[in-house]
Amino acid sequence: MKKQLQKNEWSERLQMVSSGNRGANALLEEAGENIAENIPFRDIEYDPAKKGDDLVIALGSGDDNLRHVVASPVELYLHEDSNGVLTSVEIINKKSVTTSIRFL
């Protein structure tokens, strides 16, 4: 199931996504291209428009870290399986580029 979140829900829901999936292996894609695969998920945060209007995805552990910035996100979707378990997060920015993080 695909659920679209309203912008006023993003910060709180992404905190829940972060705490519930920290350490899970993830696949990060942007515009259909793999950016990272099988790297532990750390967190995902949203800075509202008044603070920078960026969404930051952090992957890795120890000294091996990756931070991916999605500038000016306009849509955010949570994908869940039939049991209500989160499987991925999809972000679309103002240029219509899609970034997704899938939990493996």
PDB file of N, CA and C in Angstrom:
ATOM      1  N   MET A   1       0.841  -1.173   0.000  1.00  0.00           N
ATOM      2  CA  MET A   1       0.000   0.000   0.000  1.00  0.00           C
ATOM      3  C   MET A   1       0.891   1.243   0.000  1.00  0.00           C
ATOM      4  N   LYS A   2       0.486   2.225  -0.737  1.00  0.00           N
ATOM      5  CA  LYS A   2       1.230   3.480  -0.865  1.00  0.00           C
ATOM      6  C   LYS A   2       0.439   4.593  -0.176  1.00  0.00           C
ATOM      7  N   LYS A   3       1.100   5.266   0.787  1.00  0.00           N
ATOM      8  CA  LYS A   3       0.442   6.356   1.516  1.00  0.00           C
ATOM      9  C   LYS A   3       1.200   7.652   1.290  1.00  0.00           C
ATOM     10  N   GLN A   4       0.500   8.675   0.832  1.00  0.00           N
ATOM     11  CA  GLN A   4       1.129   9.983   0.700  1.00  0.00           C
ATOM     12  C   GLN A   4       0.992  10.731   2.022  1.00  0.00           C
ATOM     13  N   LEU A   5       2.091  11.337   2.462  1.00  0.00           N
ATOM     14  CA  LEU A   5       2.079  12.125   3.694  1.00  0.00           C
ATOM     15  C   LEU A   5       1.990  13.604   3.364  1.00  0.00           C
ATOM     16  N   GLN A   6       1.264  14.329   4.194  1.00  0.00           N
ATOM     17  CA  GLN A   6       1.208  15.785   4.073  1.00  0.00           C
ATOM     18  C   GLN A   6       2.487  16.367   4.673  1.00  0.00           C
ATOM     19  N   LYS A   7       2.948  17.498   4.160  1.00  0.00           N
ATOM     20  CA  LYS A   7       4.220  18.074   4.613  1.00  0.00           C
ATOM     21  C   LYS A   7       4.267  18.297   6.119  1.00  0.00           C
ATOM     22  N   ASN A   8       3.150  18.649   6.732  1.00  0.00           N
ATOM     23  CA  ASN A   8       3.162  18.888   8.184  1.00  0.00           C
ATOM     24  C   ASN A   8       3.372  17.596   8.977  1.00  0.00           C
ATOM     25  N   GLU A   9       3.286  16.427   8.331  1.00  0.00           N
ATOM     26  CA  GLU A   9       3.516  15.134   8.982  1.00  0.00           C
ATOM     27  C   GLU A   9       4.943  14.628   8.796  1.00  0.00           C
ATOM     28  N   TRP A  10       5.677  15.200   7.860  1.00  0.00           N
ATOM     29  CA  TRP A  10       6.958  14.634   7.446  1.00  0.00           C
ATOM     30  C   TRP A  10       7.948  14.447   8.589  1.00  0.00           C
ATOM     31  N   SER A  11       8.226  15.491   9.344  1.00  0.00           N
ATOM     32  CA  SER A  11       9.263  15.403  10.387  1.00  0.00           C
ATOM     33  C   SER A  11       8.964  14.300  11.389  1.00  0.00           C
ATOM     34  N   GLU A  12       7.748  14.290  11.906  1.00  0.00           N
ATOM     35  CA  GLU A  12       7.377  13.291  12.917  1.00  0.00           C
ATOM     36  C   GLU A  12       7.407  11.877  12.347  1.00  0.00           C
ATOM     37  N   ARG A  13       6.828  11.676  11.168  1.00  0.00           N
ATOM     38  CA  ARG A  13       6.781  10.329  10.581  1.00  0.00           C
ATOM     39  C   ARG A  13       8.165   9.840  10.193  1.00  0.00           C
ATOM     40  N   LEU A  14       9.040  10.749   9.734  1.00  0.00           N
ATOM     41  CA  LEU A  14      10.388  10.328   9.361  1.00  0.00           C
ATOM     42  C   LEU A  14      11.218   9.964  10.587  1.00  0.00           C
ATOM     43  N   GLN A  15      10.925  10.582  11.719  1.00  0.00           N
ATOM     44  CA  GLN A  15      11.578  10.162  12.967  1.00  0.00           C
ATOM     45  C   GLN A  15      11.182   8.731  13.301  1.00  0.00           C
ATOM     46  N   MET A  16       9.918   8.402  13.095  1.00  0.00           N
ATOM     47  CA  MET A  16       9.436   7.045  13.342  1.00  0.00           C
ATOM     48  C   MET A  16      10.085   6.059  12.369  1.00  0.00           C
ATOM     49  N   VAL A  17      10.200   6.448  11.096  1.00  0.00           N
ATOM     50  CA  VAL A  17      10.860   5.602  10.098  1.00  0.00           C
ATOM     51  C   VAL A  17      12.306   5.343  10.522  1.00  0.00           C
ATOM     52  N   SER A  18      12.987   6.401  10.974  1.00  0.00           N
ATOM     53  CA  SER A  18      14.384   6.273  11.390  1.00  0.00           C
ATOM     54  C   SER A  18      14.537   5.319  12.566  1.00  0.00           C
ATOM     55  N   SER A  19      13.744   5.511  13.606  1.00  0.00           N
ATOM     56  CA  SER A  19      13.895   4.667  14.796  1.00  0.00           C
ATOM     57  C   SER A  19      13.479   3.224  14.518  1.00  0.00           C
ATOM     58  N   GLY A  20      12.505   3.021  13.660  1.00  0.00           N
ATOM     59  CA  GLY A  20      12.024   1.674  13.379  1.00  0.00           C
ATOM     60  C   GLY A  20      12.863   0.885  12.393  1.00  0.00           C
ATOM     61  N   ASN A  21      13.735   1.556  11.640  1.00  0.00           N
ATOM     62  CA  ASN A  21      14.503   0.870  10.597  1.00  0.00           C
ATOM     63  C   ASN A  21      16.012   1.031  10.729  1.00  0.00           C
ATOM     64  N   ARG A  22      16.465   1.694  11.784  1.00  0.00           N
ATOM     65  CA  ARG A  22      17.906   1.911  11.981  1.00  0.00           C
ATOM     66  C   ARG A  22      18.651   0.581  11.971  1.00  0.00           C
ATOM     67  N   GLY A  23      19.671   0.494  11.142  1.00  0.00           N
ATOM     68  CA  GLY A  23      20.477  -0.718  11.045  1.00  0.00           C
ATOM     69  C   GLY A  23      20.028  -1.680   9.958  1.00  0.00           C
ATOM     70  N   ALA A  24      18.821  -1.506   9.435  1.00  0.00           N
ATOM     71  CA  ALA A  24      18.339  -2.387   8.364  1.00  0.00           C
ATOM     72  C   ALA A  24      19.113  -2.097   7.075  1.00  0.00           C
ATOM     73  N   ASN A  25      19.434  -3.133   6.325  1.00  0.00           N
ATOM     74  CA  ASN A  25      20.089  -2.915   5.041  1.00  0.00           C
ATOM     75  C   ASN A  25      19.119  -2.220   4.099  1.00  0.00           C
ATOM     76  N   ALA A  26      19.672  -1.311   3.298  1.00  0.00           N
ATOM     77  CA  ALA A  26      18.824  -0.499   2.438  1.00  0.00           C
ATOM     78  C   ALA A  26      19.423  -0.348   1.044  1.00  0.00           C
ATOM     79  N   LEU A  27      18.540  -0.033   0.113  1.00  0.00           N
ATOM     80  CA  LEU A  27      18.897   0.288  -1.257  1.00  0.00           C
ATOM     81  C   LEU A  27      18.443   1.716  -1.502  1.00  0.00           C
ATOM     82  N   LEU A  28      19.357   2.575  -1.918  1.00  0.00           N
ATOM     83  CA  LEU A  28      19.043   3.977  -2.202  1.00  0.00           C
ATOM     84  C   LEU A  28      19.144   4.193  -3.698  1.00  0.00           C
ATOM     85  N   GLU A  29      18.064   4.711  -4.288  1.00  0.00           N
ATOM     86  CA  GLU A  29      18.014   4.971  -5.728  1.00  0.00           C
ATOM     87  C   GLU A  29      17.566   6.410  -5.975  1.00  0.00           C
ATOM     88  N   GLU A  30      18.079   6.982  -7.063  1.00  0.00           N
ATOM     89  CA  GLU A  30      17.617   8.296  -7.490  1.00  0.00           C
ATOM     90  C   GLU A  30      17.522   8.275  -9.004  1.00  0.00           C
ATOM     91  N   ALA A  31      16.384   8.694  -9.526  1.00  0.00           N
ATOM     92  CA  ALA A  31      16.116   8.709 -10.969  1.00  0.00           C
ATOM     93  C   ALA A  31      16.390   7.342 -11.595  1.00  0.00           C
ATOM     94  N   GLY A  32      16.050   6.262 -10.857  1.00  0.00           N
ATOM     95  CA  GLY A  32      16.208   4.910 -11.369  1.00  0.00           C
ATOM     96  C   GLY A  32      17.615   4.347 -11.294  1.00  0.00           C
ATOM     97  N   GLU A  33      18.559   5.102 -10.764  1.00  0.00           N
ATOM     98  CA  GLU A  33      19.955   4.654 -10.653  1.00  0.00           C
ATOM     99  C   GLU A  33      20.276   4.305  -9.207  1.00  0.00           C
ATOM    100  N   ASN A  34      20.971   3.178  -9.003  1.00  0.00           N
ATOM    101  CA  ASN A  34      21.411   2.807  -7.658  1.00  0.00           C
ATOM    102  C   ASN A  34      22.499   3.759  -7.177  1.00  0.00           C
ATOM    103  N   ILE A  35      22.326   4.274  -5.974  1.00  0.00           N
ATOM    104  CA  ILE A  35      23.341   5.114  -5.334  1.00  0.00           C
ATOM    105  C   ILE A  35      24.087   4.287  -4.300  1.00  0.00           C
ATOM    106  N   ALA A  36      23.353   3.452  -3.582  1.00  0.00           N
ATOM    107  CA  ALA A  36      23.948   2.590  -2.558  1.00  0.00           C
ATOM    108  C   ALA A  36      23.062   1.369  -2.392  1.00  0.00           C
ATOM    109  N   GLU A  37      23.698   0.220  -2.121  1.00  0.00           N
ATOM    110  CA  GLU A  37      22.938  -1.019  -1.949  1.00  0.00           C
ATOM    111  C   GLU A  37      23.527  -1.837  -0.807  1.00  0.00           C
ATOM    112  N   ASN A  38      22.640  -2.422  -0.015  1.00  0.00           N
ATOM    113  CA  ASN A  38      23.038  -3.245   1.133  1.00  0.00           C
ATOM    114  C   ASN A  38      23.913  -2.492   2.123  1.00  0.00           C
ATOM    115  N   ILE A  39      23.567  -1.257   2.382  1.00  0.00           N
ATOM    116  CA  ILE A  39      24.261  -0.438   3.373  1.00  0.00           C
ATOM    117  C   ILE A  39      23.279  -0.188   4.511  1.00  0.00           C
ATOM    118  N   PRO A  40      23.734  -0.289   5.770  1.00  0.00           N
ATOM    119  CA  PRO A  40      22.820  -0.074   6.894  1.00  0.00           C
ATOM    120  C   PRO A  40      22.215   1.336   6.895  1.00  0.00           C
ATOM    121  N   PHE A  41      20.913   1.367   7.102  1.00  0.00           N
ATOM    122  CA  PHE A  41      20.175   2.630   7.206  1.00  0.00           C
ATOM    123  C   PHE A  41      20.458   3.262   8.563  1.00  0.00           C
ATOM    124  N   ARG A  42      20.713   4.583   8.560  1.00  0.00           N
ATOM    125  CA  ARG A  42      20.923   5.306   9.822  1.00  0.00           C
ATOM    126  C   ARG A  42      19.709   6.155  10.160  1.00  0.00           C
ATOM    127  N   ASP A  43      19.380   7.114   9.284  1.00  0.00           N
ATOM    128  CA  ASP A  43      18.187   7.926   9.526  1.00  0.00           C
ATOM    129  C   ASP A  43      17.818   8.745   8.306  1.00  0.00           C
ATOM    130  N   ILE A  44      16.650   9.354   8.402  1.00  0.00           N
ATOM    131  CA  ILE A  44      16.145  10.239   7.369  1.00  0.00           C
ATOM    132  C   ILE A  44      15.499  11.422   8.090  1.00  0.00           C
ATOM    133  N   GLU A  45      15.891  12.633   7.695  1.00  0.00           N
ATOM    134  CA  GLU A  45      15.407  13.843   8.367  1.00  0.00           C
ATOM    135  C   GLU A  45      14.937  14.855   7.332  1.00  0.00           C
ATOM    136  N   TYR A  46      13.974  15.664   7.749  1.00  0.00           N
ATOM    137  CA  TYR A  46      13.465  16.730   6.890  1.00  0.00           C
ATOM    138  C   TYR A  46      13.638  18.066   7.592  1.00  0.00           C
ATOM    139  N   ASP A  47      14.293  19.007   6.897  1.00  0.00           N
ATOM    140  CA  ASP A  47      14.376  20.396   7.361  1.00  0.00           C
ATOM    141  C   ASP A  47      13.323  21.182   6.591  1.00  0.00           C
ATOM    142  N   PRO A  48      12.336  21.719   7.270  1.00  0.00           N
ATOM    143  CA  PRO A  48      11.271  22.467   6.586  1.00  0.00           C
ATOM    144  C   PRO A  48      11.818  23.641   5.764  1.00  0.00           C
ATOM    145  N   ALA A  49      10.976  24.154   4.903  1.00  0.00           N
ATOM    146  CA  ALA A  49      11.373  25.224   3.983  1.00  0.00           C
ATOM    147  C   ALA A  49      12.024  26.404   4.694  1.00  0.00           C
ATOM    148  N   LYS A  50      11.561  26.740   5.871  1.00  0.00           N
ATOM    149  CA  LYS A  50      12.120  27.893   6.589  1.00  0.00           C
ATOM    150  C   LYS A  50      13.531  27.620   7.098  1.00  0.00           C
ATOM    151  N   LYS A  51      13.943  26.344   7.116  1.00  0.00           N
ATOM    152  CA  LYS A  51      15.269  25.980   7.626  1.00  0.00           C
ATOM    153  C   LYS A  51      16.218  25.490   6.537  1.00  0.00           C
ATOM    154  N   GLY A  52      15.759  25.319   5.324  1.00  0.00           N
ATOM    155  CA  GLY A  52      16.626  24.830   4.261  1.00  0.00           C
ATOM    156  C   GLY A  52      15.917  24.022   3.194  1.00  0.00           C
ATOM    157  N   ASP A  53      14.758  23.467   3.519  1.00  0.00           N
ATOM    158  CA  ASP A  53      13.950  22.705   2.576  1.00  0.00           C
ATOM    159  C   ASP A  53      14.722  21.545   1.956  1.00  0.00           C
ATOM    160  N   ASP A  54      15.377  20.751   2.799  1.00  0.00           N
ATOM    161  CA  ASP A  54      16.103  19.569   2.351  1.00  0.00           C
ATOM    162  C   ASP A  54      15.656  18.352   3.139  1.00  0.00           C
ATOM    163  N   LEU A  55      15.735  17.208   2.498  1.00  0.00           N
ATOM    164  CA  LEU A  55      15.520  15.942   3.161  1.00  0.00           C
ATOM    165  C   LEU A  55      16.856  15.205   3.069  1.00  0.00           C
ATOM    166  N   VAL A  56      17.360  14.725   4.192  1.00  0.00           N
ATOM    167  CA  VAL A  56      18.683  14.090   4.233  1.00  0.00           C
ATOM    168  C   VAL A  56      18.538  12.633   4.655  1.00  0.00           C
ATOM    169  N   ILE A  57      19.119  11.749   3.837  1.00  0.00           N
ATOM    170  CA  ILE A  57      19.127  10.320   4.110  1.00  0.00           C
ATOM    171  C   ILE A  57      20.554   9.945   4.493  1.00  0.00           C
ATOM    172  N   ALA A  58      20.718   9.291   5.632  1.00  0.00           N
ATOM    173  CA  ALA A  58      22.046   8.864   6.089  1.00  0.00           C
ATOM    174  C   ALA A  58      22.099   7.341   6.137  1.00  0.00           C
ATOM    175  N   LEU A  59      23.154   6.808   5.535  1.00  0.00           N
ATOM    176  CA  LEU A  59      23.394   5.365   5.503  1.00  0.00           C
ATOM    177  C   LEU A  59      24.794   5.084   6.004  1.00  0.00           C
ATOM    178  N   GLY A  60      25.028   3.852   6.441  1.00  0.00           N
ATOM    179  CA  GLY A  60      26.370   3.432   6.819  1.00  0.00           C
ATOM    180  C   GLY A  60      26.514   3.215   8.302  1.00  0.00           C
ATOM    181  N   SER A  61      27.727   2.767   8.659  1.00  0.00           N
ATOM    182  CA  SER A  61      28.044   2.546  10.061  1.00  0.00           C
ATOM    183  C   SER A  61      29.514   2.857  10.283  1.00  0.00           C
ATOM    184  N   GLY A  62      29.848   3.230  11.489  1.00  0.00           N
ATOM    185  CA  GLY A  62      31.235   3.565  11.804  1.00  0.00           C
ATOM    186  C   GLY A  62      31.737   4.706  10.949  1.00  0.00           C
ATOM    187  N   ASP A  63      32.922   4.530  10.354  1.00  0.00           N
ATOM    188  CA  ASP A  63      33.509   5.576   9.510  1.00  0.00           C
ATOM    189  C   ASP A  63      32.993   5.543   8.081  1.00  0.00           C
ATOM    190  N   ASP A  64      32.253   4.514   7.722  1.00  0.00           N
ATOM    191  CA  ASP A  64      31.742   4.359   6.361  1.00  0.00           C
ATOM    192  C   ASP A  64      30.322   4.920   6.294  1.00  0.00           C
ATOM    193  N   ASN A  65      30.207   6.218   6.005  1.00  0.00           N
ATOM    194  CA  ASN A  65      28.915   6.892   6.014  1.00  0.00           C
ATOM    195  C   ASN A  65      28.610   7.532   4.666  1.00  0.00           C
ATOM    196  N   LEU A  66      27.341   7.584   4.352  1.00  0.00           N
ATOM    197  CA  LEU A  66      26.864   8.249   3.149  1.00  0.00           C
ATOM    198  C   LEU A  66      25.693   9.125   3.549  1.00  0.00           C
ATOM    199  N   ARG A  67      25.754  10.384   3.159  1.00  0.00           N
ATOM    200  CA  ARG A  67      24.640  11.308   3.370  1.00  0.00           C
ATOM    201  C   ARG A  67      24.169  11.764   2.001  1.00  0.00           C
ATOM    202  N   HIS A  68      22.898  11.553   1.733  1.00  0.00           N
ATOM    203  CA  HIS A  68      22.318  11.928   0.449  1.00  0.00           C
ATOM    204  C   HIS A  68      21.256  12.991   0.694  1.00  0.00           C
ATOM    205  N   VAL A  69      21.368  14.108  -0.011  1.00  0.00           N
ATOM    206  CA  VAL A  69      20.441  15.224   0.173  1.00  0.00           C
ATOM    207  C   VAL A  69      19.460  15.280  -0.992  1.00  0.00           C
ATOM    208  N   VAL A  70      18.177  15.370  -0.656  1.00  0.00           N
ATOM    209  CA  VAL A  70      17.123  15.608  -1.638  1.00  0.00           C
ATOM    210  C   VAL A  70      16.685  17.059  -1.427  1.00  0.00           C
ATOM    211  N   ALA A  71      17.038  17.928  -2.373  1.00  0.00           N
ATOM    212  CA  ALA A  71      16.704  19.347  -2.255  1.00  0.00           C
ATOM    213  C   ALA A  71      15.263  19.593  -2.699  1.00  0.00           C
ATOM    214  N   SER A  72      14.583  20.424  -1.964  1.00  0.00           N
ATOM    215  CA  SER A  72      13.224  20.879  -2.284  1.00  0.00           C
ATOM    216  C   SER A  72      12.240  19.736  -2.558  1.00  0.00           C
ATOM    217  N   PRO A  73      12.070  18.821  -1.608  1.00  0.00           N
ATOM    218  CA  PRO A  73      11.079  17.758  -1.799  1.00  0.00           C
ATOM    219  C   PRO A  73       9.664  18.333  -1.789  1.00  0.00           C
ATOM    220  N   VAL A  74       8.809  17.763  -2.621  1.00  0.00           N
ATOM    221  CA  VAL A  74       7.415  18.240  -2.679  1.00  0.00           C
ATOM    222  C   VAL A  74       6.401  17.144  -2.373  1.00  0.00           C
ATOM    223  N   GLU A  75       6.803  15.874  -2.537  1.00  0.00           N
ATOM    224  CA  GLU A  75       5.906  14.758  -2.234  1.00  0.00           C
ATOM    225  C   GLU A  75       6.690  13.682  -1.495  1.00  0.00           C
ATOM    226  N   LEU A  76       6.015  13.021  -0.562  1.00  0.00           N
ATOM    227  CA  LEU A  76       6.642  11.940   0.203  1.00  0.00           C
ATOM    228  C   LEU A  76       5.624  10.825   0.375  1.00  0.00           C
ATOM    229  N   TYR A  77       6.045   9.603   0.045  1.00  0.00           N
ATOM    230  CA  TYR A  77       5.171   8.445   0.128  1.00  0.00           C
ATOM    231  C   TYR A  77       5.829   7.360   0.976  1.00  0.00           C
ATOM    232  N   LEU A  78       5.027   6.655   1.755  1.00  0.00           N
ATOM    233  CA  LEU A  78       5.465   5.480   2.479  1.00  0.00           C
ATOM    234  C   LEU A  78       4.798   4.283   1.820  1.00  0.00           C
ATOM    235  N   HIS A  79       5.594   3.241   1.544  1.00  0.00           N
ATOM    236  CA  HIS A  79       5.073   2.012   0.964  1.00  0.00           C
ATOM    237  C   HIS A  79       5.109   0.940   2.039  1.00  0.00           C
ATOM    238  N   GLU A  80       3.995   0.244   2.213  1.00  0.00           N
ATOM    239  CA  GLU A  80       3.891  -0.816   3.215  1.00  0.00           C
ATOM    240  C   GLU A  80       3.426  -2.101   2.553  1.00  0.00           C
ATOM    241  N   ASP A  81       3.856  -3.239   3.112  1.00  0.00           N
ATOM    242  CA  ASP A  81       3.370  -4.521   2.606  1.00  0.00           C
ATOM    243  C   ASP A  81       1.972  -4.792   3.159  1.00  0.00           C
ATOM    244  N   SER A  82       1.417  -5.949   2.843  1.00  0.00           N
ATOM    245  CA  SER A  82       0.040  -6.264   3.256  1.00  0.00           C
ATOM    246  C   SER A  82      -0.114  -6.398   4.766  1.00  0.00           C
ATOM    247  N   ASN A  83       1.000  -6.544   5.488  1.00  0.00           N
ATOM    248  CA  ASN A  83       0.958  -6.624   6.949  1.00  0.00           C
ATOM    249  C   ASN A  83       1.194  -5.275   7.614  1.00  0.00           C
ATOM    250  N   GLY A  84       1.316  -4.215   6.826  1.00  0.00           N
ATOM    251  CA  GLY A  84       1.535  -2.883   7.386  1.00  0.00           C
ATOM    252  C   GLY A  84       2.983  -2.589   7.721  1.00  0.00           C
ATOM    253  N   VAL A  85       3.915  -3.422   7.241  1.00  0.00           N
ATOM    254  CA  VAL A  85       5.337  -3.215   7.484  1.00  0.00           C
ATOM    255  C   VAL A  85       5.910  -2.297   6.408  1.00  0.00           C
ATOM    256  N   LEU A  86       6.626  -1.266   6.836  1.00  0.00           N
ATOM    257  CA  LEU A  86       7.218  -0.321   5.898  1.00  0.00           C
ATOM    258  C   LEU A  86       8.259  -1.014   5.029  1.00  0.00           C
ATOM    259  N   THR A  87       8.128  -0.854   3.711  1.00  0.00           N
ATOM    260  CA  THR A  87       9.091  -1.457   2.785  1.00  0.00           C
ATOM    261  C   THR A  87       9.954  -0.415   2.090  1.00  0.00           C
ATOM    262  N   SER A  88       9.423   0.808   1.905  1.00  0.00           N
ATOM    263  CA  SER A  88      10.217   1.836   1.245  1.00  0.00           C
ATOM    264  C   SER A  88       9.628   3.231   1.475  1.00  0.00           C
ATOM    265  N   VAL A  89      10.487   4.214   1.215  1.00  0.00           N
ATOM    266  CA  VAL A  89      10.096   5.619   1.266  1.00  0.00           C
ATOM    267  C   VAL A  89      10.431   6.204  -0.093  1.00  0.00           C
ATOM    268  N   GLU A  90       9.495   6.951  -0.659  1.00  0.00           N
ATOM    269  CA  GLU A  90       9.674   7.565  -1.976  1.00  0.00           C
ATOM    270  C   GLU A  90       9.533   9.076  -1.828  1.00  0.00           C
ATOM    271  N   ILE A  91      10.503   9.813  -2.376  1.00  0.00           N
ATOM    272  CA  ILE A  91      10.505  11.269  -2.299  1.00  0.00           C
ATOM    273  C   ILE A  91      10.573  11.832  -3.720  1.00  0.00           C
ATOM    274  N   ILE A  92       9.746  12.810  -4.005  1.00  0.00           N
ATOM    275  CA  ILE A  92       9.788  13.482  -5.302  1.00  0.00           C
ATOM    276  C   ILE A  92      10.109  14.946  -5.046  1.00  0.00           C
ATOM    277  N   ASN A  93      11.130  15.460  -5.751  1.00  0.00           N
ATOM    278  CA  ASN A  93      11.511  16.856  -5.540  1.00  0.00           C
ATOM    279  C   ASN A  93      10.810  17.775  -6.537  1.00  0.00           C
ATOM    280  N   LYS A  94      11.067  19.066  -6.426  1.00  0.00           N
ATOM    281  CA  LYS A  94      10.351  20.040  -7.264  1.00  0.00           C
ATOM    282  C   LYS A  94      10.708  19.918  -8.743  1.00  0.00           C
ATOM    283  N   LYS A  95      11.789  19.205  -9.074  1.00  0.00           N
ATOM    284  CA  LYS A  95      12.152  18.959 -10.473  1.00  0.00           C
ATOM    285  C   LYS A  95      11.600  17.624 -10.967  1.00  0.00           C
ATOM    286  N   SER A  96      10.728  17.004 -10.169  1.00  0.00           N
ATOM    287  CA  SER A  96      10.088  15.711 -10.478  1.00  0.00           C
ATOM    288  C   SER A  96      11.063  14.544 -10.509  1.00  0.00           C
ATOM    289  N   VAL A  97      12.190  14.674  -9.819  1.00  0.00           N
ATOM    290  CA  VAL A  97      13.140  13.563  -9.697  1.00  0.00           C
ATOM    291  C   VAL A  97      12.729  12.723  -8.486  1.00  0.00           C
ATOM    292  N   THR A  98      12.660  11.416  -8.681  1.00  0.00           N
ATOM    293  CA  THR A  98      12.255  10.506  -7.610  1.00  0.00           C
ATOM    294  C   THR A  98      13.473   9.869  -6.958  1.00  0.00           C
ATOM    295  N   THR A  99      13.499   9.926  -5.624  1.00  0.00           N
ATOM    296  CA  THR A  99      14.510   9.261  -4.814  1.00  0.00           C
ATOM    297  C   THR A  99      13.765   8.270  -3.942  1.00  0.00           C
ATOM    298  N   SER A 100      14.301   7.057  -3.836  1.00  0.00           N
ATOM    299  CA  SER A 100      13.641   6.075  -2.974  1.00  0.00           C
ATOM    300  C   SER A 100      14.677   5.332  -2.149  1.00  0.00           C
ATOM    301  N   ILE A 101      14.230   4.954  -0.974  1.00  0.00           N
ATOM    302  CA  ILE A 101      15.024   4.094  -0.109  1.00  0.00           C
ATOM    303  C   ILE A 101      14.179   2.885   0.214  1.00  0.00           C
ATOM    304  N   ARG A 102      14.706   1.718  -0.133  1.00  0.00           N
ATOM    305  CA  ARG A 102      13.985   0.470   0.074  1.00  0.00           C
ATOM    306  C   ARG A 102      14.714  -0.337   1.139  1.00  0.00           C
ATOM    307  N   PHE A 103      13.957  -0.859   2.085  1.00  0.00           N
ATOM    308  CA  PHE A 103      14.527  -1.659   3.153  1.00  0.00           C
ATOM    309  C   PHE A 103      14.558  -3.118   2.723  1.00  0.00           C
ATOM    310  N   LEU A 104      15.748  -3.702   2.795  1.00  0.00           N
ATOM    311  CA  LEU A 104      15.949  -5.065   2.285  1.00  0.00           C
ATOM    312  C   LEU A 104      15.783  -6.108   3.368  1.00  0.00           C
TER     313      LEU A 104
END
